[in-house]
Amino acid sequence: MSMKFRYFIVAIQIFICTGMVAQSDFDLSQRWFNEAVYNPAATGNTFSSVGVCVHSRAQWLNTEGAPITNAVTVDGYFDKINSAAGLVVLTDKIGYISSWSAKFNYAYYIGFEHSSLSVGLSGYLINRNKRLDPSMSADPSDPALSYSHRNDYSPDFDFGLEFKGPFKAGIAARHLLSSQSVNSLHPSYDINLWGYISSRFELSNTGTVSLEPVLSGTLRKNIYRVEGGLIAYFHRSSDGSSNLKKNEETNNDKFWLGGMFQYKDQVSLLGGVYIFPQLALGYSFNYGITELSSLSKIGTHEIYLSWRLGRKSYKKDCCPAYKSCK
């Protein structure tokens, strides 16, 4: 067994055995392109007829048992009822502990002259699974070995709000139904609060580049996390909408580049390209600045794939800051 892996297992066991019965949510670097993973009110916020987003994140690649997270979101906006609905499937694995969840998102949109406010709710089922192979432990007398297997299911729900107008801002409260149990090998989640704000504006009158500063914060009990950054979008000369239906439009983004800084945690570089106006492929590289990050010099890698049909054209005046929706 490698020394790095032993350190990794010890870190997990300390986390479990010292009474920390609460967990934080997984982290996705490119959540700015798919806020619905965290906030149900963001479901359908590009006003697409149908949208599919995929995130795949691999952390500490050269370390055995390193975290791997995957998320798939499918949603759509229904203009006749001013509502959006979607499904989010998540998987998360770290060492011998894994979890998955499947949740249904719903958002109702209230339109104003140049803005919109959405109210969202999601209900879901969470599975937490632990399978510990005794050969994985550096110490055969480790008390954690007596709990070699555990498979738990629990329901949960989230609530959120999102405003879109000259800027975009949202807040979500996650895991509102979770309850703590010190006897559970899979600690329950505390309520997680996530807030964010961003705005997109043209850099010049040429219309070739636009900038989007972003800022977000997460709070769980007395633990907080703050992240800020800037994303630059480079545009096509035309909107590429000739193949769309008459009542639809698409964005004119060609590719994007950006940087993020998460306070006392990590720095991130991200970029992506629109293969077609409706199909986007993105990548991000994160490098941790904590002591735990020294386990890996390779860093964390994340791939993002998004496919969205054109937006309903009458919505373009509702959100003037987001005429080129991501």
Protein backbone atom coordinates (compact mmCIF):
# COMPACT_ATOMS: atom_id res chain seq x y z
CA MET A 1 0.00 0.00 0.00
CA SER A 2 1.41 3.39 -0.96
CA MET A 3 2.20 5.90 1.76
CA LYS A 4 -0.05 8.50 0.10
CA PHE A 5 -2.98 6.12 0.17
CA ARG A 6 -2.39 5.40 3.87
CA TYR A 7 -2.51 9.11 4.59
CA PHE A 8 -5.68 9.34 2.54
CA ILE A 9 -7.40 6.51 4.47
CA VAL A 10 -6.31 7.96 7.79
CA ALA A 11 -7.79 11.35 6.84
CA ILE A 12 -11.15 9.72 6.05
CA GLN A 13 -11.14 7.69 9.29
CA ILE A 14 -10.36 10.77 11.35
CA PHE A 15 -13.25 12.54 9.66
CA ILE A 16 -15.66 9.71 10.56
CA CYS A 17 -14.44 8.89 14.06
CA THR A 18 -14.06 12.37 15.54
CA GLY A 19 -17.77 13.06 15.64
CA MET A 20 -18.08 15.17 12.52
CA VAL A 21 -21.58 14.07 11.63
CA ALA A 22 -22.23 16.57 8.88
CA GLN A 23 -21.15 16.69 5.27
CA SER A 24 -20.79 19.42 2.71
CA ASP A 25 -21.95 19.24 -0.86
CA PHE A 26 -19.64 18.22 -3.64
CA ASP A 27 -17.94 21.00 -5.55
CA LEU A 28 -18.17 21.63 -9.30
CA SER A 29 -15.91 24.26 -10.84
CA GLN A 30 -18.20 24.85 -13.82
CA ARG A 31 -21.43 25.21 -11.88
CA TRP A 32 -21.71 28.72 -13.38
CA PHE A 33 -22.92 27.06 -16.58
CA ASN A 34 -25.47 24.87 -14.80
CA GLU A 35 -26.67 26.36 -11.51
CA ALA A 36 -29.62 23.93 -11.46
CA VAL A 37 -27.31 21.27 -9.98
CA TYR A 38 -27.40 23.28 -6.72
CA ASN A 39 -30.40 25.58 -7.06
CA PRO A 40 -33.79 24.24 -8.21
CA ALA A 41 -34.90 27.79 -9.07
CA ALA A 42 -32.26 27.79 -11.85
CA THR A 43 -34.00 24.91 -13.61
CA GLY A 44 -34.67 25.96 -17.19
CA ASN A 45 -33.05 29.36 -16.64
CA THR A 46 -31.76 29.46 -20.23
CA PHE A 47 -35.40 29.09 -21.35
CA SER A 48 -34.43 26.15 -23.55
CA SER A 49 -37.01 23.74 -24.87
CA VAL A 50 -34.72 20.91 -23.75
CA GLY A 51 -31.26 20.97 -22.20
CA VAL A 52 -28.76 18.32 -21.12
CA CYS A 53 -25.64 19.09 -19.06
CA VAL A 54 -22.95 16.63 -17.96
CA HIS A 55 -20.17 17.27 -15.42
CA SER A 56 -17.36 14.82 -14.67
CA ARG A 57 -14.80 15.77 -12.02
CA ALA A 58 -11.68 13.79 -10.99
CA GLN A 59 -9.71 15.05 -8.00
CA TRP A 60 -6.12 14.17 -6.99
CA LEU A 61 -5.68 11.90 -10.00
CA ASN A 62 -2.45 10.25 -8.89
CA THR A 63 -3.89 9.16 -5.52
CA GLU A 64 -5.68 5.86 -4.95
CA GLY A 65 -9.27 6.23 -3.80
CA ALA A 66 -9.34 9.86 -4.93
CA PRO A 67 -12.74 11.62 -5.23
CA ILE A 68 -14.70 11.25 -8.46
CA THR A 69 -17.94 13.18 -9.03
CA ASN A 70 -20.40 12.98 -11.91
CA ALA A 71 -23.57 14.98 -12.50
CA VAL A 72 -26.17 14.78 -15.27
CA THR A 73 -28.95 17.36 -15.60
CA VAL A 74 -31.88 17.25 -17.98
CA ASP A 75 -34.37 20.13 -17.95
CA GLY A 76 -36.78 22.10 -20.07
CA TYR A 77 -38.85 25.26 -20.00
CA PHE A 78 -42.60 25.24 -20.71
CA ASP A 79 -43.72 28.73 -21.69
CA LYS A 80 -47.46 27.98 -21.54
CA ILE A 81 -47.29 27.43 -17.79
CA ASN A 82 -44.26 29.69 -17.04
CA SER A 83 -42.54 26.69 -15.50
CA ALA A 84 -39.49 24.51 -15.87
CA ALA A 85 -38.89 20.94 -14.77
CA GLY A 86 -35.81 18.79 -14.68
CA LEU A 87 -34.02 15.71 -13.38
CA VAL A 88 -30.58 15.72 -11.75
CA VAL A 89 -28.59 12.53 -11.15
CA LEU A 90 -25.40 12.72 -9.08
CA THR A 91 -22.72 10.20 -8.14
CA ASP A 92 -19.85 10.81 -5.76
CA LYS A 93 -17.11 8.41 -4.67
CA ILE A 94 -14.15 8.88 -2.34
CA GLY A 95 -12.15 5.85 -1.25
CA TYR A 96 -14.54 3.20 0.03
CA ILE A 97 -17.41 5.66 0.53
CA SER A 98 -19.81 6.38 -2.32
CA SER A 99 -23.16 8.08 -2.75
CA TRP A 100 -25.70 8.83 -5.43
CA SER A 101 -28.85 10.88 -5.60
CA ALA A 102 -31.70 11.39 -8.04
CA LYS A 103 -33.86 14.47 -7.71
CA PHE A 104 -36.70 16.18 -9.49
CA ASN A 105 -36.50 19.96 -9.90
CA TYR A 106 -39.39 22.34 -10.48
CA ALA A 107 -39.25 26.12 -10.97
CA TYR A 108 -42.03 28.64 -11.50
CA TYR A 109 -41.15 31.88 -13.32
CA ILE A 110 -42.69 35.27 -12.63
CA GLY A 111 -41.96 37.60 -15.53
CA PHE A 112 -41.53 41.36 -15.32
CA GLU A 113 -40.86 43.91 -18.05
CA HIS A 114 -37.10 43.43 -18.12
CA SER A 115 -36.46 40.70 -15.57
CA SER A 116 -37.77 37.46 -14.10
CA LEU A 117 -37.95 35.83 -10.69
CA SER A 118 -38.12 32.07 -10.29
CA VAL A 119 -39.07 29.99 -7.27
CA GLY A 120 -37.77 26.44 -7.19
CA LEU A 121 -38.26 23.25 -5.21
CA SER A 122 -36.63 19.86 -5.55
CA GLY A 123 -37.26 16.50 -3.92
CA TYR A 124 -34.82 13.65 -4.10
CA LEU A 125 -33.53 10.36 -2.77
CA ILE A 126 -29.96 9.99 -1.49
CA ASN A 127 -28.05 6.72 -1.18
CA ARG A 128 -24.86 6.44 0.87
CA ASN A 129 -22.79 3.29 0.64
CA LYS A 130 -19.64 2.13 2.43
CA ARG A 131 -17.73 -1.04 1.62
CA LEU A 132 -14.46 -1.36 3.51
CA ASP A 133 -11.99 -4.06 2.50
CA PRO A 134 -9.85 -4.99 5.55
CA SER A 135 -6.78 -5.06 3.29
CA MET A 136 -7.27 -1.31 2.71
CA SER A 137 -6.53 -0.43 6.32
CA ALA A 138 -3.00 0.30 7.48
CA ASP A 139 -3.98 -0.98 10.95
CA PRO A 140 -5.87 -4.36 11.24
CA SER A 141 -7.13 -3.32 14.70
CA ASP A 142 -8.79 -0.21 13.30
CA PRO A 143 -12.30 0.01 14.89
CA ALA A 144 -13.70 1.28 11.61
CA LEU A 145 -13.31 -2.27 10.25
CA SER A 146 -16.22 -3.39 12.44
CA TYR A 147 -18.45 -1.29 10.21
CA SER A 148 -17.33 -2.92 6.99
CA HIS A 149 -20.56 -2.26 5.12
CA ARG A 150 -23.41 0.19 5.31
CA ASN A 151 -26.06 1.09 2.74
CA ASP A 152 -28.46 3.92 3.65
CA TYR A 153 -31.31 5.65 1.82
CA SER A 154 -32.89 8.94 2.84
CA PRO A 155 -35.23 11.53 1.28
CA ASP A 156 -34.41 15.21 1.10
CA PHE A 157 -35.45 18.45 -0.57
CA ASP A 158 -34.07 21.86 -1.54
CA PHE A 159 -35.57 25.31 -1.98
CA GLY A 160 -34.27 28.22 -4.03
CA LEU A 161 -34.84 31.63 -5.61
CA GLU A 162 -33.23 33.19 -8.68
CA PHE A 163 -33.49 36.67 -10.20
CA LYS A 164 -32.47 37.44 -13.78
CA GLY A 165 -32.36 40.93 -15.18
CA PRO A 166 -29.46 43.40 -15.49
CA PHE A 167 -27.69 40.84 -13.30
CA LYS A 168 -28.31 37.29 -12.15
CA ALA A 169 -28.53 36.39 -8.46
CA GLY A 170 -29.74 33.35 -6.61
CA ILE A 171 -29.86 31.64 -3.26
CA ALA A 172 -30.53 28.01 -2.41
CA ALA A 173 -31.05 26.10 0.84
CA ARG A 174 -30.08 22.45 0.42
CA HIS A 175 -30.77 19.34 2.54
CA LEU A 176 -33.73 20.81 4.41
CA LEU A 177 -34.95 17.35 5.43
CA SER A 178 -31.68 15.83 6.56
CA SER A 179 -31.33 14.79 10.18
CA GLN A 180 -28.15 13.99 12.05
CA SER A 181 -27.39 10.56 13.46
CA VAL A 182 -24.13 9.95 15.32
CA ASN A 183 -24.64 6.20 14.92
CA SER A 184 -24.78 6.36 11.13
CA LEU A 185 -21.58 5.51 9.34
CA HIS A 186 -22.71 7.83 6.60
CA PRO A 187 -23.15 11.19 8.33
CA SER A 188 -26.15 13.19 7.29
CA TYR A 189 -25.90 16.55 5.58
CA ASP A 190 -26.28 19.83 7.39
CA ILE A 191 -28.31 22.52 5.67
CA ASN A 192 -26.10 24.12 3.03
CA LEU A 193 -26.76 27.69 1.88
CA TRP A 194 -25.41 28.76 -1.51
CA GLY A 195 -25.70 32.30 -2.83
CA TYR A 196 -24.33 33.73 -6.08
CA ILE A 197 -24.39 36.84 -8.22
CA SER A 198 -23.04 37.61 -11.69
CA SER A 199 -23.53 40.04 -14.53
CA ARG A 200 -22.51 39.96 -18.14
CA PHE A 201 -21.62 43.00 -20.21
CA GLU A 202 -19.99 43.79 -23.54
CA LEU A 203 -16.35 44.81 -23.34
CA SER A 204 -16.55 47.09 -26.37
CA ASN A 205 -18.93 48.37 -29.03
CA THR A 206 -17.60 45.78 -31.46
CA GLY A 207 -19.64 43.05 -29.78
CA THR A 208 -16.79 40.54 -30.05
CA VAL A 209 -16.05 40.05 -26.34
CA SER A 210 -18.17 40.11 -23.19
CA LEU A 211 -17.12 39.73 -19.57
CA GLU A 212 -18.91 38.06 -16.68
CA PRO A 213 -17.63 38.68 -13.14
CA VAL A 214 -18.97 36.07 -10.72
CA LEU A 215 -19.12 35.78 -6.95
CA SER A 216 -20.54 33.02 -4.77
CA GLY A 217 -20.60 31.97 -1.14
CA THR A 218 -21.44 28.74 0.67
CA LEU A 219 -22.34 28.41 4.35
CA ARG A 220 -22.67 25.23 6.42
CA LYS A 221 -22.92 25.82 10.16
CA ASN A 222 -19.82 27.90 10.97
CA ILE A 223 -17.94 26.77 7.85
CA TYR A 224 -18.00 29.15 4.91
CA ARG A 225 -16.49 29.22 1.44
CA VAL A 226 -16.17 32.22 -0.88
CA GLU A 227 -15.28 32.12 -4.56
CA GLY A 228 -14.88 34.86 -7.14
CA GLY A 229 -13.67 35.09 -10.69
CA LEU A 230 -14.05 36.38 -14.20
CA ILE A 231 -15.17 34.67 -17.41
CA ALA A 232 -14.55 36.16 -20.86
CA TYR A 233 -16.74 35.13 -23.82
CA PHE A 234 -15.64 35.54 -27.42
CA HIS A 235 -18.43 35.79 -30.01
CA ARG A 236 -19.20 34.69 -33.52
CA SER A 237 -19.86 37.27 -36.18
CA SER A 238 -23.41 35.95 -36.58
CA ASP A 239 -25.82 34.26 -34.23
CA GLY A 240 -25.89 31.00 -36.17
CA SER A 241 -29.66 30.67 -35.78
CA SER A 242 -30.56 29.95 -39.41
CA ASN A 243 -31.37 26.32 -38.69
CA LEU A 244 -33.62 27.04 -35.74
CA LYS A 245 -37.37 27.31 -35.63
CA LYS A 246 -38.89 30.70 -36.22
CA ASN A 247 -39.75 31.30 -32.57
CA GLU A 248 -36.33 30.31 -31.25
CA GLU A 249 -32.88 31.87 -30.99
CA THR A 250 -29.46 30.78 -29.85
CA ASN A 251 -26.37 32.44 -28.44
CA ASN A 252 -23.49 33.76 -30.54
CA ASP A 253 -20.71 32.68 -28.18
CA LYS A 254 -17.75 30.94 -29.81
CA PHE A 255 -15.54 30.08 -26.81
CA TRP A 256 -14.78 31.22 -23.28
CA LEU A 257 -11.81 31.54 -20.91
CA GLY A 258 -11.87 32.29 -17.20
CA GLY A 259 -10.20 32.12 -13.82
CA MET A 260 -11.54 31.51 -10.30
CA PHE A 261 -10.15 31.87 -6.81
CA GLN A 262 -11.68 30.01 -3.89
CA TYR A 263 -10.59 31.58 -0.62
CA LYS A 264 -8.06 29.40 1.27
CA ASP A 265 -8.91 26.43 -0.95
CA GLN A 266 -8.05 26.44 -4.65
CA VAL A 267 -7.44 28.36 -7.84
CA SER A 268 -9.07 27.33 -11.11
CA LEU A 269 -8.58 27.91 -14.81
CA LEU A 270 -11.44 27.11 -17.14
CA GLY A 271 -12.22 27.30 -20.81
CA GLY A 272 -14.58 25.92 -23.38
CA VAL A 273 -15.79 26.04 -26.93
CA TYR A 274 -19.15 25.95 -28.66
CA ILE A 275 -18.78 23.12 -31.16
CA PHE A 276 -22.16 24.18 -32.48
CA PRO A 277 -24.27 27.08 -31.17
CA GLN A 278 -26.28 24.54 -29.15
CA LEU A 279 -23.40 22.22 -28.13
CA ALA A 280 -20.69 23.32 -25.69
CA LEU A 281 -17.63 21.50 -24.35
CA GLY A 282 -15.70 22.86 -21.38
CA TYR A 283 -12.70 21.95 -19.25
CA SER A 284 -11.33 23.24 -15.96
CA PHE A 285 -8.14 22.66 -13.99
CA ASN A 286 -8.08 23.26 -10.23
CA TYR A 287 -5.01 23.42 -8.04
CA GLY A 288 -5.51 23.28 -4.30
CA ILE A 289 -3.67 25.56 -1.92
CA THR A 290 -4.40 23.57 1.25
CA GLU A 291 -2.13 21.07 3.02
CA LEU A 292 -4.35 18.18 1.93
CA SER A 293 -3.80 19.18 -1.68
CA SER A 294 -0.15 18.20 -1.34
CA LEU A 295 -1.29 14.59 -1.79
CA SER A 296 -1.46 15.31 -5.50
CA LYS A 297 0.60 17.57 -7.72
CA ILE A 298 -1.58 16.78 -10.72
CA GLY A 299 -4.54 18.75 -9.42
CA THR A 300 -8.21 18.33 -10.21
CA HIS A 301 -9.74 18.08 -13.67
CA GLU A 302 -13.34 18.62 -14.73
CA ILE A 303 -15.10 18.18 -18.06
CA TYR A 304 -18.39 19.87 -18.91
CA LEU A 305 -20.71 19.08 -21.81
CA SER A 306 -23.91 20.96 -22.58
CA TRP A 307 -26.51 20.59 -25.31
CA ARG A 308 -29.41 23.02 -25.44
CA LEU A 309 -32.08 23.74 -28.03
CA GLY A 310 -32.79 27.38 -28.88
CA ARG A 311 -34.43 29.68 -26.38
CA LYS A 312 -37.92 31.04 -26.84
CA SER A 313 -37.35 34.32 -28.62
CA TYR A 314 -39.83 36.40 -26.64
CA LYS A 315 -37.76 35.86 -23.52
CA LYS A 316 -34.75 37.75 -24.88
CA ASP A 317 -36.11 41.11 -23.70
CA CYS A 318 -36.86 39.67 -20.25
CA CYS A 319 -33.18 39.27 -19.41
CA PRO A 320 -31.20 41.92 -21.28
CA ALA A 321 -27.94 40.99 -19.56
CA TYR A 322 -28.22 37.43 -20.76
CA LYS A 323 -29.22 37.62 -24.42
CA SER A 324 -26.38 35.17 -25.05
CA CYS A 325 -27.36 32.55 -22.51
CA LYS A 326 -24.85 29.90 -21.68
